[in-house]
Amino acid sequence: MMGSDKETYLKMVAIWSITSIPDLKIKLIGDSFKVTCKFGFIVSMDAKLFYEIEPLEVVQLIEKSFTKQFGVEGMKYRNTFRGFKKNPFSSQN
């Protein structure tokens, strides 16, 4: 599914660029996305919400759910952007 849906693919590439949660995967089941990782199920997200919010917001939701689900801070898997000269999330780029 992801390979043929450009919008979903690009959003997931952005999400994988922001977080390095091990084996992070997303699967569309019905009208919602099921997010899983190496440790198990993380969160279920309405497809409409997934497409309406930015990748950073999706990651924040995943991290919050990860922390709740596994008792480990999801932010610890956040990638650093030290190699960037500008803030990659800034609208000024």
C-alpha atoms as a PDB file:
ATOM      1  CA  MET A   1       0.000   0.000   0.000  1.00  0.00           C
ATOM      2  CA  MET A   2       2.639   2.514   1.006  1.00  0.00           C
ATOM      3  CA  GLY A   3       4.676   2.002  -2.128  1.00  0.00           C
ATOM      4  CA  SER A   4       1.771   3.048  -4.328  1.00  0.00           C
ATOM      5  CA  ASP A   5       0.412   5.880  -2.141  1.00  0.00           C
ATOM      6  CA  LYS A   6       2.805   8.806  -2.563  1.00  0.00           C
ATOM      7  CA  GLU A   7       1.299  10.976   0.204  1.00  0.00           C
ATOM      8  CA  THR A   8       1.565   8.206   2.810  1.00  0.00           C
ATOM      9  CA  TYR A   9       5.032   7.216   1.625  1.00  0.00           C
ATOM     10  CA  LEU A  10       6.384  10.779   1.851  1.00  0.00           C
ATOM     11  CA  LYS A  11       4.852  11.303   5.287  1.00  0.00           C
ATOM     12  CA  MET A  12       6.430   8.068   6.552  1.00  0.00           C
ATOM     13  CA  VAL A  13       9.832   9.050   5.126  1.00  0.00           C
ATOM     14  CA  ALA A  14       9.532  12.299   7.089  1.00  0.00           C
ATOM     15  CA  ILE A  15       8.500  10.400  10.242  1.00  0.00           C
ATOM     16  CA  TRP A  16      11.433   7.979   9.897  1.00  0.00           C
ATOM     17  CA  SER A  17      13.725  11.002   9.473  1.00  0.00           C
ATOM     18  CA  ILE A  18      12.514  12.449  12.784  1.00  0.00           C
ATOM     19  CA  THR A  19      12.474   9.309  14.948  1.00  0.00           C
ATOM     20  CA  SER A  20      14.490   6.116  15.080  1.00  0.00           C
ATOM     21  CA  ILE A  21      12.052   3.980  17.087  1.00  0.00           C
ATOM     22  CA  PRO A  22      13.214   0.439  16.201  1.00  0.00           C
ATOM     23  CA  ASP A  23      11.327  -1.184  13.319  1.00  0.00           C
ATOM     24  CA  LEU A  24       8.617   1.515  13.239  1.00  0.00           C
ATOM     25  CA  LYS A  25       5.815   0.415  10.899  1.00  0.00           C
ATOM     26  CA  ILE A  26       2.385   1.672   9.961  1.00  0.00           C
ATOM     27  CA  LYS A  27      -0.491  -0.307   8.499  1.00  0.00           C
ATOM     28  CA  LEU A  28      -3.841   0.970   7.235  1.00  0.00           C
ATOM     29  CA  ILE A  29      -6.653  -1.190   8.610  1.00  0.00           C
ATOM     30  CA  GLY A  30     -10.113   0.094   7.772  1.00  0.00           C
ATOM     31  CA  ASP A  31     -10.161   3.830   8.458  1.00  0.00           C
ATOM     32  CA  SER A  32      -7.241   3.913  10.861  1.00  0.00           C
ATOM     33  CA  PHE A  33      -3.504   3.449  10.881  1.00  0.00           C
ATOM     34  CA  LYS A  34      -2.023   0.960  13.346  1.00  0.00           C
ATOM     35  CA  VAL A  35       1.473   1.980  14.416  1.00  0.00           C
ATOM     36  CA  THR A  36       3.794  -0.761  15.668  1.00  0.00           C
ATOM     37  CA  CYS A  37       7.480  -1.217  16.366  1.00  0.00           C
ATOM     38  CA  LYS A  38       9.923  -3.889  17.477  1.00  0.00           C
ATOM     39  CA  PHE A  39       8.366  -3.833  20.958  1.00  0.00           C
ATOM     40  CA  GLY A  40       4.733  -4.183  19.818  1.00  0.00           C
ATOM     41  CA  PHE A  41       1.635  -2.072  19.212  1.00  0.00           C
ATOM     42  CA  ILE A  42       2.045   1.665  19.877  1.00  0.00           C
ATOM     43  CA  VAL A  43      -1.096   3.494  18.809  1.00  0.00           C
ATOM     44  CA  SER A  44      -4.076   3.488  16.480  1.00  0.00           C
ATOM     45  CA  MET A  45      -4.639   6.737  14.593  1.00  0.00           C
ATOM     46  CA  ASP A  46      -7.600   7.836  12.490  1.00  0.00           C
ATOM     47  CA  ALA A  47      -6.502   8.089   8.829  1.00  0.00           C
ATOM     48  CA  LYS A  48      -8.092  11.537   8.521  1.00  0.00           C
ATOM     49  CA  LEU A  49      -6.002  12.799  11.458  1.00  0.00           C
ATOM     50  CA  PHE A  50      -2.846  11.195  10.034  1.00  0.00           C
ATOM     51  CA  TYR A  51      -3.229  13.126   6.777  1.00  0.00           C
ATOM     52  CA  GLU A  52      -4.288  16.419   8.415  1.00  0.00           C
ATOM     53  CA  ILE A  53      -1.372  16.863  10.807  1.00  0.00           C
ATOM     54  CA  GLU A  54       2.312  17.393  10.058  1.00  0.00           C
ATOM     55  CA  PRO A  55       4.880  14.563  10.373  1.00  0.00           C
ATOM     56  CA  LEU A  56       6.376  16.174  13.488  1.00  0.00           C
ATOM     57  CA  GLU A  57       2.942  16.141  15.132  1.00  0.00           C
ATOM     58  CA  VAL A  58       2.490  12.473  14.181  1.00  0.00           C
ATOM     59  CA  VAL A  59       5.874  11.697  15.760  1.00  0.00           C
ATOM     60  CA  GLN A  60       4.910  13.568  18.932  1.00  0.00           C
ATOM     61  CA  LEU A  61       1.712  11.510  19.166  1.00  0.00           C
ATOM     62  CA  ILE A  62       3.660   8.284  18.554  1.00  0.00           C
ATOM     63  CA  GLU A  63       6.287   9.230  21.164  1.00  0.00           C
ATOM     64  CA  LYS A  64       3.648  10.063  23.772  1.00  0.00           C
ATOM     65  CA  SER A  65       1.875   6.746  23.157  1.00  0.00           C
ATOM     66  CA  PHE A  66       5.197   4.870  23.134  1.00  0.00           C
ATOM     67  CA  THR A  67       6.036   6.283  26.568  1.00  0.00           C
ATOM     68  CA  LYS A  68       2.604   5.329  27.904  1.00  0.00           C
ATOM     69  CA  GLN A  69       2.688   1.838  26.337  1.00  0.00           C
ATOM     70  CA  PHE A  70       6.238   0.763  27.211  1.00  0.00           C
ATOM     71  CA  GLY A  71       7.291   3.018  30.101  1.00  0.00           C
ATOM     72  CA  VAL A  72      10.293   4.258  28.121  1.00  0.00           C
ATOM     73  CA  GLU A  73      10.559   7.879  27.029  1.00  0.00           C
ATOM     74  CA  GLY A  74       9.748   7.970  23.287  1.00  0.00           C
ATOM     75  CA  MET A  75      11.808  11.155  22.883  1.00  0.00           C
ATOM     76  CA  LYS A  76      14.978   9.145  23.496  1.00  0.00           C
ATOM     77  CA  TYR A  77      14.604   7.833  19.929  1.00  0.00           C
ATOM     78  CA  ARG A  78      14.344  11.322  18.413  1.00  0.00           C
ATOM     79  CA  ASN A  79      17.016  11.908  15.765  1.00  0.00           C
ATOM     80  CA  THR A  80      19.297  14.895  16.186  1.00  0.00           C
ATOM     81  CA  PHE A  81      19.555  17.506  13.476  1.00  0.00           C
ATOM     82  CA  ARG A  82      23.020  18.777  14.362  1.00  0.00           C
ATOM     83  CA  GLY A  83      24.175  18.486  10.751  1.00  0.00           C
ATOM     84  CA  PHE A  84      21.632  21.054   9.572  1.00  0.00           C
ATOM     85  CA  LYS A  85      22.656  24.685   9.336  1.00  0.00           C
ATOM     86  CA  LYS A  86      19.029  25.765   9.744  1.00  0.00           C
ATOM     87  CA  ASN A  87      16.080  24.402  11.679  1.00  0.00           C
ATOM     88  CA  PRO A  88      14.547  21.819   9.285  1.00  0.00           C
ATOM     89  CA  PHE A  89      11.092  22.557  10.716  1.00  0.00           C
ATOM     90  CA  SER A  90      11.337  26.317  10.310  1.00  0.00           C
ATOM     91  CA  SER A  91       9.170  27.995   7.698  1.00  0.00           C
ATOM     92  CA  GLN A  92      12.118  30.300   6.989  1.00  0.00           C
ATOM     93  CA  ASN A  93      14.090  27.671   5.007  1.00  0.00           C
END
